[in-house]
Amino acid sequence: MIILDTGATRALANGHKTLNLLAANMAHTPGDLLRIPALCLMRAESEDAGAGDRVLAFSSVVVDDLTTSPRSPSAP
């Protein structure tokens, strides 16, 4: 698992060679994901229209939701 910040998200969206290779390679490895916090994705999209769509086109990219703490196993 790798977590991308806003700058890395924008770089991936704009075709950064190494990040694109990483995303493509991770797509072929079960369980490997590039995680982008939702607020970083929103910020990247606000700075570069369409960045979110370009990044989410990679099957290895997932968005972390806006929760700030993990749910306990007993939570509904």
C-alpha atoms as a PDB file:
ATOM      1  CA  MET A   1       0.000   0.000   0.000  1.00  0.00           C
ATOM      2  CA  ILE A   2       1.253   3.433  -0.950  1.00  0.00           C
ATOM      3  CA  ILE A   3      -0.515   6.648   0.021  1.00  0.00           C
ATOM      4  CA  LEU A   4      -0.366   9.552  -2.422  1.00  0.00           C
ATOM      5  CA  ASP A   5      -0.660  13.170  -1.354  1.00  0.00           C
ATOM      6  CA  THR A   6      -2.084  15.981  -3.496  1.00  0.00           C
ATOM      7  CA  GLY A   7       1.176  16.626  -5.342  1.00  0.00           C
ATOM      8  CA  ALA A   8       1.702  12.967  -6.169  1.00  0.00           C
ATOM      9  CA  THR A   9      -1.931  12.664  -7.241  1.00  0.00           C
ATOM     10  CA  ARG A  10      -1.531  15.568  -9.654  1.00  0.00           C
ATOM     11  CA  ALA A  11       1.734  14.132 -10.941  1.00  0.00           C
ATOM     12  CA  LEU A  12       0.065  10.770 -11.600  1.00  0.00           C
ATOM     13  CA  ALA A  13      -2.829  12.510 -13.352  1.00  0.00           C
ATOM     14  CA  ASN A  14      -0.404  14.470 -15.530  1.00  0.00           C
ATOM     15  CA  GLY A  15       1.497  11.391 -16.681  1.00  0.00           C
ATOM     16  CA  HIS A  16       4.531  11.257 -14.391  1.00  0.00           C
ATOM     17  CA  LYS A  17       6.466   8.359 -15.893  1.00  0.00           C
ATOM     18  CA  THR A  18       7.545   6.606 -12.695  1.00  0.00           C
ATOM     19  CA  LEU A  19       4.184   6.976 -10.960  1.00  0.00           C
ATOM     20  CA  ASN A  20       2.371   5.717 -14.061  1.00  0.00           C
ATOM     21  CA  LEU A  21       4.645   2.658 -14.194  1.00  0.00           C
ATOM     22  CA  LEU A  22       4.063   2.076 -10.495  1.00  0.00           C
ATOM     23  CA  ALA A  23       0.276   2.270 -10.907  1.00  0.00           C
ATOM     24  CA  ALA A  24       0.370  -0.056 -13.902  1.00  0.00           C
ATOM     25  CA  ASN A  25       2.590  -2.590 -12.105  1.00  0.00           C
ATOM     26  CA  MET A  26       0.439  -2.500  -8.986  1.00  0.00           C
ATOM     27  CA  ALA A  27      -2.622  -3.284 -11.093  1.00  0.00           C
ATOM     28  CA  HIS A  28      -1.049  -6.686 -11.840  1.00  0.00           C
ATOM     29  CA  THR A  29      -0.248  -7.463  -8.196  1.00  0.00           C
ATOM     30  CA  PRO A  30      -3.216  -8.606  -6.108  1.00  0.00           C
ATOM     31  CA  GLY A  31      -3.599  -6.617  -2.922  1.00  0.00           C
ATOM     32  CA  ASP A  32      -1.258  -3.775  -3.904  1.00  0.00           C
ATOM     33  CA  LEU A  33      -3.077  -0.460  -3.955  1.00  0.00           C
ATOM     34  CA  LEU A  34      -2.315   3.211  -4.336  1.00  0.00           C
ATOM     35  CA  ARG A  35      -4.449   4.998  -1.777  1.00  0.00           C
ATOM     36  CA  ILE A  36      -5.443   8.622  -2.150  1.00  0.00           C
ATOM     37  CA  PRO A  37      -7.113  10.415   0.750  1.00  0.00           C
ATOM     38  CA  ALA A  38     -10.423  11.889  -0.426  1.00  0.00           C
ATOM     39  CA  LEU A  39      -9.386  15.443   0.480  1.00  0.00           C
ATOM     40  CA  CYS A  40      -6.156  15.119  -1.536  1.00  0.00           C
ATOM     41  CA  LEU A  41      -8.155  13.927  -4.531  1.00  0.00           C
ATOM     42  CA  MET A  42     -10.588  16.820  -4.147  1.00  0.00           C
ATOM     43  CA  ARG A  43      -7.746  19.326  -3.921  1.00  0.00           C
ATOM     44  CA  ALA A  44      -6.000  17.874  -6.986  1.00  0.00           C
ATOM     45  CA  GLU A  45      -9.282  18.090  -8.913  1.00  0.00           C
ATOM     46  CA  SER A  46      -9.824  21.692  -7.823  1.00  0.00           C
ATOM     47  CA  GLU A  47      -6.330  22.615  -9.055  1.00  0.00           C
ATOM     48  CA  ASP A  48      -6.541  20.605 -12.288  1.00  0.00           C
ATOM     49  CA  ALA A  49      -9.976  19.852 -13.710  1.00  0.00           C
ATOM     50  CA  GLY A  50     -10.156  16.221 -14.792  1.00  0.00           C
ATOM     51  CA  ALA A  51      -7.288  15.047 -12.581  1.00  0.00           C
ATOM     52  CA  GLY A  52      -9.650  12.892 -10.534  1.00  0.00           C
ATOM     53  CA  ASP A  53     -10.987  11.073 -13.581  1.00  0.00           C
ATOM     54  CA  ARG A  54      -7.500  10.442 -14.936  1.00  0.00           C
ATOM     55  CA  VAL A  55      -6.233   9.064 -11.618  1.00  0.00           C
ATOM     56  CA  LEU A  56      -9.290   6.919 -10.944  1.00  0.00           C
ATOM     57  CA  ALA A  57      -8.895   5.298 -14.361  1.00  0.00           C
ATOM     58  CA  PHE A  58      -6.100   3.207 -12.838  1.00  0.00           C
ATOM     59  CA  SER A  59      -7.491  -0.010 -11.363  1.00  0.00           C
ATOM     60  CA  SER A  60      -4.848   0.061  -8.632  1.00  0.00           C
ATOM     61  CA  VAL A  61      -6.040   3.416  -7.238  1.00  0.00           C
ATOM     62  CA  VAL A  62      -8.550   3.576  -4.393  1.00  0.00           C
ATOM     63  CA  VAL A  63      -9.847   6.554  -2.453  1.00  0.00           C
ATOM     64  CA  ASP A  64      -9.653   6.615   1.323  1.00  0.00           C
ATOM     65  CA  ASP A  65     -12.871   8.016   2.704  1.00  0.00           C
ATOM     66  CA  LEU A  66     -13.204  10.984   5.011  1.00  0.00           C
ATOM     67  CA  THR A  67     -13.278   9.071   8.292  1.00  0.00           C
ATOM     68  CA  THR A  68     -10.518  10.056  10.652  1.00  0.00           C
ATOM     69  CA  SER A  69     -10.330   6.888  12.696  1.00  0.00           C
ATOM     70  CA  PRO A  70     -10.783   3.212  11.927  1.00  0.00           C
ATOM     71  CA  ARG A  71     -14.085   1.665  12.883  1.00  0.00           C
ATOM     72  CA  SER A  72     -14.039  -0.725  15.752  1.00  0.00           C
ATOM     73  CA  PRO A  73     -15.159  -4.274  14.918  1.00  0.00           C
ATOM     74  CA  SER A  74     -18.209  -3.827  17.152  1.00  0.00           C
ATOM     75  CA  ALA A  75     -19.387  -0.643  15.408  1.00  0.00           C
ATOM     76  CA  PRO A  76     -22.497  -1.033  13.224  1.00  0.00           C
END
